[in-house]
Structure formats: structure tokens, C-alpha cells
Protein backbone atom coordinates (compact mmCIF):
# COMPACT_ATOMS: atom_id res chain seq x y z
CA MET A 1 26.70 -39.65 -26.99
CA MET A 2 23.37 -39.05 -28.69
CA GLU A 3 20.49 -41.16 -27.38
CA ILE A 4 17.31 -41.69 -29.42
CA GLU A 5 14.49 -43.60 -27.75
CA ARG A 6 10.79 -44.44 -27.84
CA LYS A 7 8.48 -46.28 -25.45
CA ILE A 8 5.90 -48.93 -26.39
CA LEU A 9 3.31 -49.07 -23.62
CA GLU A 10 1.39 -51.72 -21.69
CA ILE A 11 3.15 -54.72 -23.11
CA LYS A 12 3.06 -58.30 -21.87
CA SER A 13 6.66 -58.84 -20.81
CA LYS A 14 6.90 -62.60 -21.37
CA GLU A 15 5.30 -62.33 -24.80
CA VAL A 16 7.66 -59.53 -25.88
CA VAL A 17 10.70 -61.42 -24.59
CA ALA A 18 9.61 -64.45 -26.64
CA ARG A 19 9.35 -62.26 -29.75
CA ILE A 20 12.78 -60.72 -29.09
CA LEU A 21 14.33 -64.17 -28.74
CA ARG A 22 12.85 -65.25 -32.09
CA LEU A 23 14.62 -62.41 -33.95
CA ARG A 24 17.48 -63.25 -36.27
CA PRO A 25 20.35 -62.77 -35.88
CA ARG A 26 19.85 -63.79 -32.24
CA SER A 27 19.50 -61.09 -29.64
CA LYS A 28 21.68 -61.08 -26.52
CA LYS A 29 20.47 -60.57 -22.96
CA VAL A 30 22.71 -57.87 -21.49
CA PHE A 31 21.10 -57.23 -18.12
CA GLU A 32 18.37 -58.36 -15.75
CA GLY A 33 17.90 -56.95 -12.27
CA LEU A 34 16.77 -54.15 -9.99
CA VAL A 35 17.43 -50.45 -10.68
CA ARG A 36 17.11 -47.77 -7.98
CA VAL A 37 16.86 -44.24 -9.39
CA LYS A 38 17.34 -40.74 -7.92
CA TYR A 39 16.96 -37.43 -9.75
CA PHE A 40 18.59 -34.21 -8.56
CA ASP A 41 18.11 -30.54 -9.39
CA PHE A 42 18.98 -27.07 -8.11
CA CYS A 43 16.50 -25.37 -5.81
CA ASP A 44 15.29 -23.17 -8.68
CA GLY A 45 14.59 -26.25 -10.85
CA ARG A 46 16.86 -25.08 -13.65
CA ILE A 47 17.70 -28.62 -14.83
CA CYS A 48 14.05 -29.66 -15.09
CA LYS A 49 13.09 -26.37 -16.77
CA LYS A 50 15.53 -27.15 -19.59
CA ARG A 51 14.10 -30.70 -19.78
CA ASP A 52 17.57 -31.97 -18.92
CA LEU A 53 18.14 -34.73 -16.39
CA LEU A 54 20.69 -35.36 -13.63
CA ARG A 55 20.33 -38.94 -12.47
CA VAL A 56 22.07 -41.39 -10.15
CA ARG A 57 21.18 -45.08 -10.48
CA GLU A 58 22.17 -48.10 -8.46
CA ILE A 59 22.08 -51.06 -10.81
CA SER A 60 21.91 -54.54 -9.27
CA PRO A 61 22.35 -57.31 -11.86
CA ARG A 62 20.86 -60.59 -10.75
CA GLY A 63 23.52 -62.66 -9.03
CA LYS A 64 26.21 -59.95 -9.27
CA LYS A 65 27.43 -57.01 -7.22
CA PRO A 66 25.68 -53.66 -7.79
CA TYR A 67 27.31 -50.65 -9.38
CA THR A 68 26.33 -46.99 -9.74
CA GLU A 69 25.80 -44.83 -12.84
CA LEU A 70 25.89 -41.04 -12.84
CA VAL A 71 24.21 -39.55 -15.92
CA TYR A 72 23.53 -36.05 -17.21
CA LYS A 73 21.19 -35.92 -20.20
CA THR A 74 20.91 -32.74 -22.27
CA PHE A 75 17.52 -32.55 -23.99
CA LYS A 76 17.68 -31.86 -27.71
CA CYS A 77 14.23 -32.40 -29.18
CA VAL A 78 11.27 -34.69 -29.76
CA LYS A 79 10.94 -35.77 -33.38
CA ASN A 80 9.11 -38.64 -35.09
CA MET A 81 7.76 -39.81 -31.72
CA CYS A 82 11.33 -40.17 -30.40
CA LYS A 83 13.15 -38.33 -27.66
CA TYR A 84 16.66 -37.07 -28.40
CA PHE A 85 19.22 -36.61 -25.62
CA ASP A 86 22.94 -35.93 -25.54
CA GLU A 87 24.12 -38.23 -22.74
CA LEU A 88 27.17 -38.00 -20.49
CA GLU A 89 27.65 -41.08 -18.29
CA PHE A 90 30.05 -42.20 -15.56
CA LYS A 91 30.26 -45.56 -13.79
CA PHE A 92 31.24 -46.11 -10.15
CA VAL A 93 31.89 -49.34 -8.25
CA GLY A 94 31.68 -49.81 -4.51
CA GLU A 95 28.83 -50.67 -2.18
CA LYS A 96 28.29 -47.08 -0.99
CA SER A 97 28.71 -45.23 -4.30
CA PHE A 98 24.97 -44.67 -4.73
CA GLU A 99 24.52 -43.09 -1.32
CA ASN A 100 27.86 -41.25 -1.40
CA LEU A 101 27.00 -39.49 -4.67
CA SER A 102 23.56 -38.62 -3.30
CA THR A 103 25.16 -37.10 -0.20
CA LEU A 104 27.67 -35.16 -2.33
CA PHE A 105 24.92 -33.58 -4.44
CA LYS A 106 23.01 -32.52 -1.34
CA GLU A 107 26.16 -31.02 0.21
CA ILE A 108 26.79 -28.82 -2.85
CA GLY A 109 23.24 -27.48 -2.79
CA LEU A 110 21.24 -29.79 -5.03
CA LYS A 111 18.02 -31.40 -3.89
CA GLN A 112 16.66 -34.86 -4.56
CA THR A 113 13.50 -34.46 -6.63
CA LEU A 114 12.60 -38.08 -7.30
CA TYR A 115 13.23 -41.64 -6.13
CA TYR A 116 11.76 -44.79 -7.64
CA GLU A 117 12.59 -48.40 -8.44
CA LYS A 118 12.11 -50.63 -11.45
CA ARG A 119 13.05 -54.06 -12.69
CA ARG A 120 14.75 -53.99 -16.05
CA THR A 121 15.56 -56.64 -18.64
CA LEU A 122 17.84 -55.47 -21.44
CA TYR A 123 18.47 -57.15 -24.79
CA SER A 124 20.91 -56.06 -27.48
CA TRP A 125 20.02 -56.73 -31.12
CA LYS A 126 21.93 -55.49 -34.15
CA ASN A 127 22.51 -51.77 -33.51
CA LEU A 128 19.77 -51.20 -30.94
CA ASN A 129 18.66 -52.03 -27.40
CA PHE A 130 15.36 -53.39 -26.11
CA GLU A 131 14.72 -52.39 -22.49
CA ILE A 132 11.72 -53.93 -20.73
CA ASP A 133 10.91 -51.87 -17.64
CA GLU A 134 8.58 -53.09 -14.90
CA HIS A 135 7.49 -50.64 -12.19
CA PRO A 136 5.21 -51.31 -9.23
CA LYS A 137 1.51 -50.58 -9.82
CA ILE A 138 1.67 -49.84 -13.57
CA PRO A 139 1.88 -52.05 -16.70
CA ALA A 140 5.30 -52.84 -18.13
CA PHE A 141 6.62 -50.99 -21.17
CA LEU A 142 9.34 -51.52 -23.74
CA GLU A 143 11.85 -48.78 -24.50
CA ILE A 144 13.80 -49.03 -27.73
CA GLU A 145 17.08 -47.16 -28.17
CA ALA A 146 18.43 -46.95 -31.71
CA PRO A 147 20.45 -44.74 -34.09
CA SER A 148 17.32 -43.28 -35.73
CA PRO A 149 13.49 -43.27 -35.63
CA ALA A 150 13.47 -45.33 -38.83
CA VAL A 151 15.43 -48.12 -37.14
CA ILE A 152 12.97 -48.02 -34.22
CA ASP A 153 10.04 -48.27 -36.66
CA LYS A 154 11.59 -51.36 -38.27
CA ALA A 155 12.20 -52.96 -34.87
CA ILE A 156 8.59 -52.37 -33.81
CA LYS A 157 7.41 -53.98 -37.03
CA ALA A 158 9.80 -56.93 -36.56
CA LEU A 159 8.30 -57.52 -33.11
CA GLY A 160 4.72 -57.10 -34.33
CA LEU A 161 3.99 -54.25 -31.88
CA GLU A 162 2.58 -51.69 -34.34
CA LYS A 163 -0.84 -51.59 -32.64
CA TYR A 164 0.54 -50.73 -29.20
CA GLU A 165 0.58 -47.13 -27.98
CA GLN A 166 3.93 -45.42 -28.51
CA THR A 167 5.32 -42.30 -26.85
CA ALA A 168 8.44 -40.15 -26.47
CA GLU A 169 7.45 -39.14 -22.92
CA ASN A 170 9.82 -39.58 -20.02
CA ILE A 171 8.62 -41.61 -17.04
CA SER A 172 7.38 -38.53 -15.12
CA GLU A 173 5.35 -37.26 -18.08
CA LEU A 174 3.98 -40.74 -18.74
CA MET A 175 2.85 -41.23 -15.14
CA LYS A 176 1.10 -37.84 -15.01
CA ARG A 177 -0.78 -38.46 -18.25
CA LYS A 178 -1.60 -42.15 -18.11
CA TYR A 179 -1.44 -43.17 -14.43
CA PRO A 180 -2.26 -39.99 -12.47
CA LYS A 181 -3.37 -41.91 -9.39
CA VAL A 182 0.06 -43.50 -8.97
CA LYS A 183 2.79 -41.33 -7.44
CA LEU A 184 6.19 -41.90 -9.04
CA ASP A 185 8.25 -40.44 -6.20
CA GLY A 186 8.72 -43.19 -3.62
CA LEU A 187 7.44 -45.93 -5.94
CA LYS A 188 9.26 -49.12 -4.94
CA PHE A 189 8.85 -52.85 -4.67
CA LYS A 190 7.88 -54.38 -1.36
CA GLY A 191 10.96 -55.78 0.32
CA SER A 192 13.26 -54.32 -2.32
CA ALA A 193 16.06 -53.98 0.22
CA ASN A 194 16.15 -57.78 0.23
CA TYR A 195 15.72 -58.13 -3.53
CA LYS A 196 18.44 -60.76 -3.95
CA ASN A 197 17.04 -62.81 -1.08
CA LEU A 198 13.59 -62.62 -2.64
CA ILE A 199 14.97 -63.96 -5.92
CA LYS A 200 16.55 -66.89 -4.05
CA ILE A 201 13.26 -67.60 -2.26
CA ARG A 202 11.33 -67.55 -5.55
CA ARG A 203 13.81 -69.96 -7.12
CA PHE A 204 13.55 -72.28 -4.10
CA VAL A 205 9.74 -72.24 -4.24
CA THR A 206 9.83 -72.90 -7.99
CA ILE A 207 12.08 -75.92 -7.49
CA ARG A 208 9.95 -77.26 -4.64
CA ASN A 209 6.76 -76.91 -6.70
CA SER A 210 8.17 -78.34 -9.92
């Protein structure tokens, strides 16, 4: 499946969500939760050299059981400020799928090159997706996936985000250019192992203070 995407940087998450919700026809929230990400490569770095990507993600929707995605992305090109990938994706269920796949890759000679965490909120609208990604220590950004750059341009205009910086960079390239003092590998939220418990605590405090 071909994937075409572009990032809009340093957004204010709540403001962008409000704009997404005002769109017509109405958008639909597809996902909200924590995502743990690992990248793998051969010792000679052949996957990275081709600008491809082998990724395992543990996806934990708020209030639901986590699942694991295994993805290989074949880089095609960068055109009109959009990144083009051919994506092959598999889904796994089970509490240990994330770690089991990681162990399997290491056993067959691959090495883990990257680990980080993010909080993602995903909305579906017409024929595209709005993904708001929040990482520790850096401003949030919006990633738009759509059938073409022209559709992405129209979506940016519909949200009134034309003045924001846009890029086709992946997260590693973005961090090196824009946030060089923040190390992506190992970037995680404090207490992320207890993420669901933290959400419950926040809800409790909100109710108590309301």
C-alpha cells in the first residue's frame, strides 16, 4: 500500500483538534493512546542506507488492550514536500507480541537501532488521516496521510495551518535538524510503564478538582 505523508510542525494540539472537529463532514476519532516504537536493521545498516524502515510498534489504545504492528516501509521518493513509501503491515495480538518479535529479530541477526515513545491521537476525515504526535521534550506535530500532495494541501488550508512549517522528514531527520540537543533513542515518558494507571490518576484528580 502506498503511503503519502507530510508533517506540520510545532502545533498546539488542543487548537488543532478543535479545528479538526469543526470540519464537515464530521471527522472521526480512530485512536488515542501510547505508542512504543522499535526500529531494526542489519549490522551493515542496509535498511537505513536504502531509506527503508523496519519497525515494530506496541500500540496501547486508551482503555483497551495493546496490540503490536510489524511494518516494513520501502522508500520511493520525496516529492511536493511529501514522503512516499510502499508499506507492508502485519498486526499481532497478545501481551508479549512486542517483545517476542524484538527477540526474534535479534536472534536472526538484526540489531535494534532505535527505541522511543509517543502519544498519538488519530482522526479520519474523508479520504485522509490526521495524526497528532506528542513526544517528550519536543513540540507536538501533525502528520497528514492522504492519496496525494494536492489533497494534503487542501487539508492544510481547511485547517488554517498554511503558515506553519511543513516537512517530509522522518522523525530521526527532524530531530537531528530541529532538536539536536534531544536524543531520540531512549526518548520516553516518565512512568510510561504505568501509562494506564497514570490516565486513571489524572481522571481522578480532574474529577476531584472539578
